[in-house]
Each structure stands twice: as structure tokens, then as C-alpha cells.
PDB file of all heavy atoms in Angstrom:
ATOM      1  N   HIS A   1       0.818  -1.243  -0.023  1.00  0.00           N
ATOM      2  CA  HIS A   1       0.019   0.017   0.018  1.00  0.00           C
ATOM      3  C   HIS A   1       0.876   1.282   0.011  1.00  0.00           C
ATOM      4  O   HIS A   1       0.387   2.309   0.497  1.00  0.00           O
ATOM      5  CB  HIS A   1      -0.978   0.013   1.196  1.00  0.00           C
ATOM      6  CG  HIS A   1      -1.867  -1.229   1.273  1.00  0.00           C
ATOM      7  ND1 HIS A   1      -2.869  -1.356   0.398  1.00  0.00           N
ATOM      8  CD2 HIS A   1      -1.871  -2.266   2.124  1.00  0.00           C
ATOM      9  CE1 HIS A   1      -3.462  -2.511   0.656  1.00  0.00           C
ATOM     10  NE2 HIS A   1      -2.850  -3.134   1.692  1.00  0.00           N
ATOM     11  N   GLY A   2       2.051   1.177  -0.518  1.00  0.00           N
ATOM     12  CA  GLY A   2       2.987   2.335  -0.526  1.00  0.00           C
ATOM     13  C   GLY A   2       2.470   3.489  -1.311  1.00  0.00           C
ATOM     14  O   GLY A   2       2.539   4.621  -0.990  1.00  0.00           O
ATOM     15  N   ALA A   3       1.903   3.148  -2.512  1.00  0.00           N
ATOM     16  CA  ALA A   3       1.395   4.265  -3.452  1.00  0.00           C
ATOM     17  C   ALA A   3       0.300   4.980  -2.725  1.00  0.00           C
ATOM     18  O   ALA A   3       0.171   6.232  -2.766  1.00  0.00           O
ATOM     19  CB  ALA A   3       0.930   3.636  -4.733  1.00  0.00           C
ATOM     20  N   GLU A   4      -0.646   4.183  -2.188  1.00  0.00           N
ATOM     21  CA  GLU A   4      -1.739   4.885  -1.451  1.00  0.00           C
ATOM     22  C   GLU A   4      -1.300   5.629  -0.285  1.00  0.00           C
ATOM     23  O   GLU A   4      -1.783   6.790  -0.027  1.00  0.00           O
ATOM     24  CB  GLU A   4      -2.766   3.744  -1.011  1.00  0.00           C
ATOM     25  CG  GLU A   4      -4.056   4.296  -0.375  1.00  0.00           C
ATOM     26  CD  GLU A   4      -4.982   3.231  -0.005  1.00  0.00           C
ATOM     27  OE1 GLU A   4      -4.643   2.087  -0.203  1.00  0.00           O
ATOM     28  OE2 GLU A   4      -6.073   3.552   0.464  1.00  0.00           O
ATOM     29  N   TRP A   5      -0.294   5.142   0.481  1.00  0.00           N
ATOM     30  CA  TRP A   5       0.225   5.860   1.631  1.00  0.00           C
ATOM     31  C   TRP A   5       0.875   7.174   1.227  1.00  0.00           C
ATOM     32  O   TRP A   5       0.623   8.191   1.883  1.00  0.00           O
ATOM     33  CB  TRP A   5       1.295   4.917   2.338  1.00  0.00           C
ATOM     34  CG  TRP A   5       1.263   5.239   3.872  1.00  0.00           C
ATOM     35  CD1 TRP A   5       0.746   4.487   4.783  1.00  0.00           C
ATOM     36  CD2 TRP A   5       1.895   6.318   4.493  1.00  0.00           C
ATOM     37  NE1 TRP A   5       0.984   4.975   6.035  1.00  0.00           N
ATOM     38  CE2 TRP A   5       1.642   6.221   5.928  1.00  0.00           C
ATOM     39  CE3 TRP A   5       2.601   7.477   4.087  1.00  0.00           C
ATOM     40  CZ2 TRP A   5       2.019   7.076   6.826  1.00  0.00           C
ATOM     41  CZ3 TRP A   5       3.023   8.375   5.058  1.00  0.00           C
ATOM     42  CH2 TRP A   5       2.772   8.166   6.440  1.00  0.00           C
ATOM     43  N   VAL A   6       1.705   7.129   0.204  1.00  0.00           N
ATOM     44  CA  VAL A   6       2.289   8.404  -0.294  1.00  0.00           C
ATOM     45  C   VAL A   6       1.178   9.416  -0.757  1.00  0.00           C
ATOM     46  O   VAL A   6       1.334  10.628  -0.365  1.00  0.00           O
ATOM     47  CB  VAL A   6       3.338   8.109  -1.488  1.00  0.00           C
ATOM     48  CG1 VAL A   6       3.850   9.454  -1.947  1.00  0.00           C
ATOM     49  CG2 VAL A   6       4.458   7.275  -0.895  1.00  0.00           C
ATOM     50  N   GLN A   7       0.279   8.961  -1.464  1.00  0.00           N
ATOM     51  CA  GLN A   7      -0.804   9.770  -1.985  1.00  0.00           C
ATOM     52  C   GLN A   7      -1.544  10.467  -0.803  1.00  0.00           C
ATOM     53  O   GLN A   7      -1.842  11.713  -0.771  1.00  0.00           O
ATOM     54  CB  GLN A   7      -1.778   8.993  -2.798  1.00  0.00           C
ATOM     55  CG  GLN A   7      -2.917   9.839  -3.322  1.00  0.00           C
ATOM     56  CD  GLN A   7      -3.931   8.950  -4.179  1.00  0.00           C
ATOM     57  OE1 GLN A   7      -4.010   7.786  -3.944  1.00  0.00           O
ATOM     58  NE2 GLN A   7      -4.639   9.555  -5.103  1.00  0.00           N
ATOM     59  N   GLN A   8      -1.951   9.586   0.220  1.00  0.00           N
ATOM     60  CA  GLN A   8      -2.707  10.206   1.379  1.00  0.00           C
ATOM     61  C   GLN A   8      -1.809  11.090   2.197  1.00  0.00           C
ATOM     62  O   GLN A   8      -2.302  12.100   2.731  1.00  0.00           O
ATOM     63  CB  GLN A   8      -3.256   9.027   2.157  1.00  0.00           C
ATOM     64  CG  GLN A   8      -4.384   8.237   1.550  1.00  0.00           C
ATOM     65  CD  GLN A   8      -5.495   9.146   1.106  1.00  0.00           C
ATOM     66  OE1 GLN A   8      -6.050   9.918   1.994  1.00  0.00           O
ATOM     67  NE2 GLN A   8      -5.946   9.042  -0.115  1.00  0.00           N
ATOM     68  N   GLY A   9      -0.514  10.757   2.328  1.00  0.00           N
ATOM     69  CA  GLY A   9       0.368  11.636   3.097  1.00  0.00           C
ATOM     70  C   GLY A   9       0.506  12.978   2.350  1.00  0.00           C
ATOM     71  O   GLY A   9       0.461  13.943   3.030  1.00  0.00           O
ATOM     72  N   GLN A  10       0.613  12.994   1.104  1.00  0.00           N
ATOM     73  CA  GLN A  10       0.669  14.223   0.342  1.00  0.00           C
ATOM     74  C   GLN A  10      -0.592  15.047   0.473  1.00  0.00           C
ATOM     75  O   GLN A  10      -0.629  16.274   0.696  1.00  0.00           O
ATOM     76  CB  GLN A  10       0.973  13.997  -1.126  1.00  0.00           C
ATOM     77  CG  GLN A  10       1.237  15.216  -1.938  1.00  0.00           C
ATOM     78  CD  GLN A  10       2.653  15.840  -1.671  1.00  0.00           C
ATOM     79  OE1 GLN A  10       3.648  15.287  -1.879  1.00  0.00           O
ATOM     80  NE2 GLN A  10       2.572  17.039  -1.033  1.00  0.00           N
ATOM     81  N   LEU A  11      -1.723  14.314   0.409  1.00  0.00           N
ATOM     82  CA  LEU A  11      -3.066  14.985   0.627  1.00  0.00           C
ATOM     83  C   LEU A  11      -3.192  15.631   1.952  1.00  0.00           C
ATOM     84  O   LEU A  11      -3.613  16.737   2.135  1.00  0.00           O
ATOM     85  CB  LEU A  11      -4.181  13.932   0.375  1.00  0.00           C
ATOM     86  CG  LEU A  11      -5.709  14.513   0.529  1.00  0.00           C
ATOM     87  CD1 LEU A  11      -5.913  15.497  -0.540  1.00  0.00           C
ATOM     88  CD2 LEU A  11      -6.634  13.324   0.441  1.00  0.00           C
ATOM     89  N   TRP A  12      -2.742  14.922   3.019  1.00  0.00           N
ATOM     90  CA  TRP A  12      -2.805  15.469   4.355  1.00  0.00           C
ATOM     91  C   TRP A  12      -1.891  16.670   4.507  1.00  0.00           C
ATOM     92  O   TRP A  12      -2.287  17.663   5.007  1.00  0.00           O
ATOM     93  CB  TRP A  12      -2.330  14.415   5.367  1.00  0.00           C
ATOM     94  CG  TRP A  12      -2.245  14.944   6.724  1.00  0.00           C
ATOM     95  CD1 TRP A  12      -3.206  15.016   7.696  1.00  0.00           C
ATOM     96  CD2 TRP A  12      -1.045  15.526   7.400  1.00  0.00           C
ATOM     97  NE1 TRP A  12      -2.756  15.599   8.882  1.00  0.00           N
ATOM     98  CE2 TRP A  12      -1.482  15.902   8.692  1.00  0.00           C
ATOM     99  CE3 TRP A  12       0.246  15.761   7.003  1.00  0.00           C
ATOM    100  CZ2 TRP A  12      -0.605  16.495   9.550  1.00  0.00           C
ATOM    101  CZ3 TRP A  12       1.126  16.387   7.859  1.00  0.00           C
ATOM    102  CH2 TRP A  12       0.668  16.735   9.188  1.00  0.00           C
ATOM    103  N   PHE A  13      -0.687  16.595   3.915  1.00  0.00           N
ATOM    104  CA  PHE A  13       0.229  17.705   4.074  1.00  0.00           C
ATOM    105  C   PHE A  13      -0.368  18.918   3.341  1.00  0.00           C
ATOM    106  O   PHE A  13      -0.334  20.072   3.902  1.00  0.00           O
ATOM    107  CB  PHE A  13       1.569  17.341   3.380  1.00  0.00           C
ATOM    108  CG  PHE A  13       2.626  18.485   3.496  1.00  0.00           C
ATOM    109  CD1 PHE A  13       3.507  18.566   4.603  1.00  0.00           C
ATOM    110  CD2 PHE A  13       2.675  19.451   2.509  1.00  0.00           C
ATOM    111  CE1 PHE A  13       4.453  19.588   4.641  1.00  0.00           C
ATOM    112  CE2 PHE A  13       3.566  20.521   2.650  1.00  0.00           C
ATOM    113  CZ  PHE A  13       4.423  20.592   3.660  1.00  0.00           C
ATOM    114  N   ASP A  14      -0.843  18.757   2.089  1.00  0.00           N
ATOM    115  CA  ASP A  14      -1.381  19.882   1.392  1.00  0.00           C
ATOM    116  C   ASP A  14      -2.568  20.482   2.061  1.00  0.00           C
ATOM    117  O   ASP A  14      -2.800  21.703   2.005  1.00  0.00           O
ATOM    118  CB  ASP A  14      -1.711  19.445  -0.036  1.00  0.00           C
ATOM    119  CG  ASP A  14      -0.526  19.107  -0.882  1.00  0.00           C
ATOM    120  OD1 ASP A  14       0.520  19.637  -0.559  1.00  0.00           O
ATOM    121  OD2 ASP A  14      -0.714  18.422  -1.897  1.00  0.00           O
ATOM    122  N   SER A  15      -3.470  19.659   2.674  1.00  0.00           N
ATOM    123  CA  SER A  15      -4.578  20.210   3.308  1.00  0.00           C
ATOM    124  C   SER A  15      -4.251  21.004   4.564  1.00  0.00           C
ATOM    125  O   SER A  15      -4.829  22.108   4.821  1.00  0.00           O
ATOM    126  CB  SER A  15      -5.474  19.013   3.791  1.00  0.00           C
ATOM    127  OG  SER A  15      -4.950  18.265   4.832  1.00  0.00           O
ATOM    128  N   LEU A  16      -3.189  20.622   5.336  1.00  0.00           N
ATOM    129  CA  LEU A  16      -2.814  21.409   6.520  1.00  0.00           C
ATOM    130  C   LEU A  16      -2.041  22.690   6.026  1.00  0.00           C
ATOM    131  O   LEU A  16      -2.260  23.726   6.568  1.00  0.00           O
ATOM    132  CB  LEU A  16      -1.837  20.549   7.371  1.00  0.00           C
ATOM    133  CG  LEU A  16      -1.752  20.964   8.830  1.00  0.00           C
ATOM    134  CD1 LEU A  16      -3.098  20.777   9.499  1.00  0.00           C
ATOM    135  CD2 LEU A  16      -0.663  20.130   9.502  1.00  0.00           C
ATOM    136  N   TRP A  17      -1.232  22.506   4.991  1.00  0.00           N
ATOM    137  CA  TRP A  17      -0.581  23.692   4.449  1.00  0.00           C
ATOM    138  C   TRP A  17      -1.471  24.750   3.932  1.00  0.00           C
ATOM    139  O   TRP A  17      -1.319  25.967   4.153  1.00  0.00           O
ATOM    140  CB  TRP A  17       0.400  23.175   3.268  1.00  0.00           C
ATOM    141  CG  TRP A  17       1.184  24.212   2.601  1.00  0.00           C
ATOM    142  CD1 TRP A  17       0.863  24.975   1.513  1.00  0.00           C
ATOM    143  CD2 TRP A  17       2.548  24.640   2.958  1.00  0.00           C
ATOM    144  NE1 TRP A  17       1.844  25.855   1.174  1.00  0.00           N
ATOM    145  CE2 TRP A  17       2.973  25.683   2.019  1.00  0.00           C
ATOM    146  CE3 TRP A  17       3.445  24.230   3.972  1.00  0.00           C
ATOM    147  CZ2 TRP A  17       4.209  26.242   2.169  1.00  0.00           C
ATOM    148  CZ3 TRP A  17       4.691  24.892   4.028  1.00  0.00           C
ATOM    149  CH2 TRP A  17       5.040  25.884   3.121  1.00  0.00           C
ATOM    150  N   ASN A  18      -2.518  24.342   3.200  1.00  0.00           N
ATOM    151  CA  ASN A  18      -3.422  25.285   2.566  1.00  0.00           C
ATOM    152  C   ASN A  18      -4.439  25.880   3.543  1.00  0.00           C
ATOM    153  O   ASN A  18      -4.847  26.992   3.359  1.00  0.00           O
ATOM    154  CB  ASN A  18      -4.056  24.613   1.393  1.00  0.00           C
ATOM    155  CG  ASN A  18      -3.136  24.329   0.250  1.00  0.00           C
ATOM    156  OD1 ASN A  18      -2.215  25.093  -0.021  1.00  0.00           O
ATOM    157  ND2 ASN A  18      -3.364  23.209  -0.419  1.00  0.00           N
ATOM    158  N   ASN A  19      -4.922  25.042   4.488  1.00  0.00           N
ATOM    159  CA  ASN A  19      -6.038  25.438   5.334  1.00  0.00           C
ATOM    160  C   ASN A  19      -5.714  25.938   6.712  1.00  0.00           C
ATOM    161  O   ASN A  19      -6.411  26.817   7.253  1.00  0.00           O
ATOM    162  CB  ASN A  19      -7.087  24.295   5.464  1.00  0.00           C
ATOM    163  CG  ASN A  19      -7.642  23.930   4.147  1.00  0.00           C
ATOM    164  OD1 ASN A  19      -8.142  24.817   3.391  1.00  0.00           O
ATOM    165  ND2 ASN A  19      -7.608  22.632   3.846  1.00  0.00           N
ATOM    166  N   LEU A  20      -4.542  25.512   7.260  1.00  0.00           N
ATOM    167  CA  LEU A  20      -4.119  25.931   8.575  1.00  0.00           C
ATOM    168  C   LEU A  20      -2.839  26.704   8.617  1.00  0.00           C
ATOM    169  O   LEU A  20      -2.561  27.406   9.535  1.00  0.00           O
ATOM    170  CB  LEU A  20      -4.028  24.725   9.528  1.00  0.00           C
ATOM    171  CG  LEU A  20      -5.382  24.011   9.867  1.00  0.00           C
ATOM    172  CD1 LEU A  20      -5.105  22.839  10.841  1.00  0.00           C
ATOM    173  CD2 LEU A  20      -6.432  25.000  10.445  1.00  0.00           C
ATOM    174  N   GLY A  21      -2.069  26.509   7.654  1.00  0.00           N
ATOM    175  CA  GLY A  21      -0.679  27.108   7.636  1.00  0.00           C
ATOM    176  C   GLY A  21      -0.742  28.664   7.376  1.00  0.00           C
ATOM    177  O   GLY A  21      -1.544  29.129   6.500  1.00  0.00           O
ATOM    178  N   GLU A  22       0.119  29.365   8.108  1.00  0.00           N
ATOM    179  CA  GLU A  22       0.248  30.792   7.859  1.00  0.00           C
ATOM    180  C   GLU A  22       1.738  31.068   7.512  1.00  0.00           C
ATOM    181  O   GLU A  22       2.652  30.544   8.182  1.00  0.00           O
ATOM    182  CB  GLU A  22      -0.073  31.521   9.206  1.00  0.00           C
ATOM    183  CG  GLU A  22      -1.516  31.387   9.669  1.00  0.00           C
ATOM    184  CD  GLU A  22      -1.803  32.137  10.945  1.00  0.00           C
ATOM    185  OE1 GLU A  22      -0.837  32.828  11.395  1.00  0.00           O
ATOM    186  OE2 GLU A  22      -2.926  32.025  11.459  1.00  0.00           O
ATOM    187  N   ASP A  23       1.953  31.801   6.457  1.00  0.00           N
ATOM    188  CA  ASP A  23       3.312  32.147   6.008  1.00  0.00           C
ATOM    189  C   ASP A  23       4.145  32.725   7.272  1.00  0.00           C
ATOM    190  O   ASP A  23       3.659  33.614   7.946  1.00  0.00           O
ATOM    191  CB  ASP A  23       3.307  33.176   4.908  1.00  0.00           C
ATOM    192  CG  ASP A  23       2.808  32.484   3.603  1.00  0.00           C
ATOM    193  OD1 ASP A  23       2.855  31.259   3.463  1.00  0.00           O
ATOM    194  OD2 ASP A  23       2.210  33.218   2.736  1.00  0.00           O
ATOM    195  N   PHE A  24       5.302  32.229   7.334  1.00  0.00           N
ATOM    196  CA  PHE A  24       6.200  32.626   8.422  1.00  0.00           C
ATOM    197  C   PHE A  24       7.549  33.093   7.837  1.00  0.00           C
ATOM    198  O   PHE A  24       8.181  32.415   7.059  1.00  0.00           O
ATOM    199  CB  PHE A  24       6.458  31.498   9.356  1.00  0.00           C
ATOM    200  CG  PHE A  24       7.370  31.779  10.521  1.00  0.00           C
ATOM    201  CD1 PHE A  24       6.847  32.589  11.645  1.00  0.00           C
ATOM    202  CD2 PHE A  24       8.666  31.361  10.615  1.00  0.00           C
ATOM    203  CE1 PHE A  24       7.648  32.821  12.711  1.00  0.00           C
ATOM    204  CE2 PHE A  24       9.456  31.665  11.642  1.00  0.00           C
ATOM    205  CZ  PHE A  24       9.000  32.418  12.732  1.00  0.00           C
ATOM    206  N   ASP A  25       7.950  34.364   8.241  1.00  0.00           N
ATOM    207  CA  ASP A  25       9.188  34.931   7.758  1.00  0.00           C
ATOM    208  C   ASP A  25      10.283  34.591   8.775  1.00  0.00           C
ATOM    209  O   ASP A  25      10.330  35.106   9.870  1.00  0.00           O
ATOM    210  CB  ASP A  25       9.097  36.437   7.664  1.00  0.00           C
ATOM    211  CG  ASP A  25      10.323  37.102   7.169  1.00  0.00           C
ATOM    212  OD1 ASP A  25      11.365  36.395   6.855  1.00  0.00           O
ATOM    213  OD2 ASP A  25      10.384  38.351   7.146  1.00  0.00           O
ATOM    214  N   VAL A  26      11.190  33.651   8.413  1.00  0.00           N
ATOM    215  CA  VAL A  26      12.232  33.196   9.343  1.00  0.00           C
ATOM    216  C   VAL A  26      13.196  34.245   9.726  1.00  0.00           C
ATOM    217  O   VAL A  26      13.859  34.166  10.706  1.00  0.00           O
ATOM    218  CB  VAL A  26      12.925  31.942   8.733  1.00  0.00           C
ATOM    219  CG1 VAL A  26      12.009  30.782   8.570  1.00  0.00           C
ATOM    220  CG2 VAL A  26      13.685  32.303   7.512  1.00  0.00           C
ATOM    221  N   TRP A  27      13.268  35.277   8.886  1.00  0.00           N
ATOM    222  CA  TRP A  27      14.245  36.351   9.160  1.00  0.00           C
ATOM    223  C   TRP A  27      13.581  37.536   9.946  1.00  0.00           C
ATOM    224  O   TRP A  27      14.225  38.518  10.361  1.00  0.00           O
ATOM    225  CB  TRP A  27      14.848  36.897   7.910  1.00  0.00           C
ATOM    226  CG  TRP A  27      15.440  35.857   7.087  1.00  0.00           C
ATOM    227  CD1 TRP A  27      15.077  35.427   5.837  1.00  0.00           C
ATOM    228  CD2 TRP A  27      16.626  35.074   7.414  1.00  0.00           C
ATOM    229  NE1 TRP A  27      15.853  34.362   5.377  1.00  0.00           N
ATOM    230  CE2 TRP A  27      16.810  34.131   6.366  1.00  0.00           C
ATOM    231  CE3 TRP A  27      17.453  35.059   8.493  1.00  0.00           C
ATOM    232  CZ2 TRP A  27      17.837  33.181   6.295  1.00  0.00           C
ATOM    233  CZ3 TRP A  27      18.477  34.041   8.479  1.00  0.00           C
ATOM    234  CH2 TRP A  27      18.708  33.179   7.426  1.00  0.00           C
ATOM    235  N   GLY A  28      12.227  37.479  10.033  1.00  0.00           N
ATOM    236  CA  GLY A  28      11.540  38.594  10.707  1.00  0.00           C
ATOM    237  C   GLY A  28      11.321  38.434  12.212  1.00  0.00           C
ATOM    238  O   GLY A  28      10.696  39.210  12.772  1.00  0.00           O
ATOM    239  N   ASP A  29      11.869  37.383  12.782  1.00  0.00           N
ATOM    240  CA  ASP A  29      11.678  37.077  14.233  1.00  0.00           C
ATOM    241  C   ASP A  29      13.002  36.839  14.959  1.00  0.00           C
ATOM    242  O   ASP A  29      13.118  35.964  15.751  1.00  0.00           O
ATOM    243  CB  ASP A  29      10.745  35.886  14.339  1.00  0.00           C
ATOM    244  CG  ASP A  29      10.023  35.814  15.670  1.00  0.00           C
ATOM    245  OD1 ASP A  29      10.051  36.823  16.399  1.00  0.00           O
ATOM    246  OD2 ASP A  29       9.509  34.728  16.005  1.00  0.00           O
ATOM    247  N   LEU A  30      13.983  37.569  14.540  1.00  0.00           N
ATOM    248  CA  LEU A  30      15.312  37.255  15.078  1.00  0.00           C
ATOM    249  C   LEU A  30      15.484  37.362  16.565  1.00  0.00           C
ATOM    250  O   LEU A  30      16.123  36.600  17.194  1.00  0.00           O
ATOM    251  CB  LEU A  30      16.362  38.160  14.422  1.00  0.00           C
ATOM    252  CG  LEU A  30      16.572  37.981  12.851  1.00  0.00           C
ATOM    253  CD1 LEU A  30      17.488  39.006  12.371  1.00  0.00           C
ATOM    254  CD2 LEU A  30      17.064  36.562  12.638  1.00  0.00           C
ATOM    255  N   ASP A  31      14.759  38.361  17.141  1.00  0.00           N
ATOM    256  CA  ASP A  31      14.886  38.491  18.679  1.00  0.00           C
ATOM    257  C   ASP A  31      14.395  37.270  19.372  1.00  0.00           C
ATOM    258  O   ASP A  31      15.042  36.912  20.404  1.00  0.00           O
ATOM    259  CB  ASP A  31      14.110  39.743  19.158  1.00  0.00           C
ATOM    260  CG  ASP A  31      14.694  41.031  18.624  1.00  0.00           C
ATOM    261  OD1 ASP A  31      15.901  40.990  18.254  1.00  0.00           O
ATOM    262  OD2 ASP A  31      13.930  42.023  18.542  1.00  0.00           O
TER     263      ASP A  31
END
């Protein structure tokens, strides 16, 4: 079930990235 696992893993990642993720500037929080 490797193909299905990779597909679902990518789907989960994209869903979190698109729906819950907020862009973060790694250089804007130096303090």
C-alpha cells in the first residue's frame, strides 16, 4: 500500500498547508 500511503500523506500535508498554515518569515523574528 505504498502508493496509497504516499498519496494520502501528500493529501494530508497539502490540506494542512493550505487550510491551517500561515506564512512565516524566518528572518523577521530574530529577537
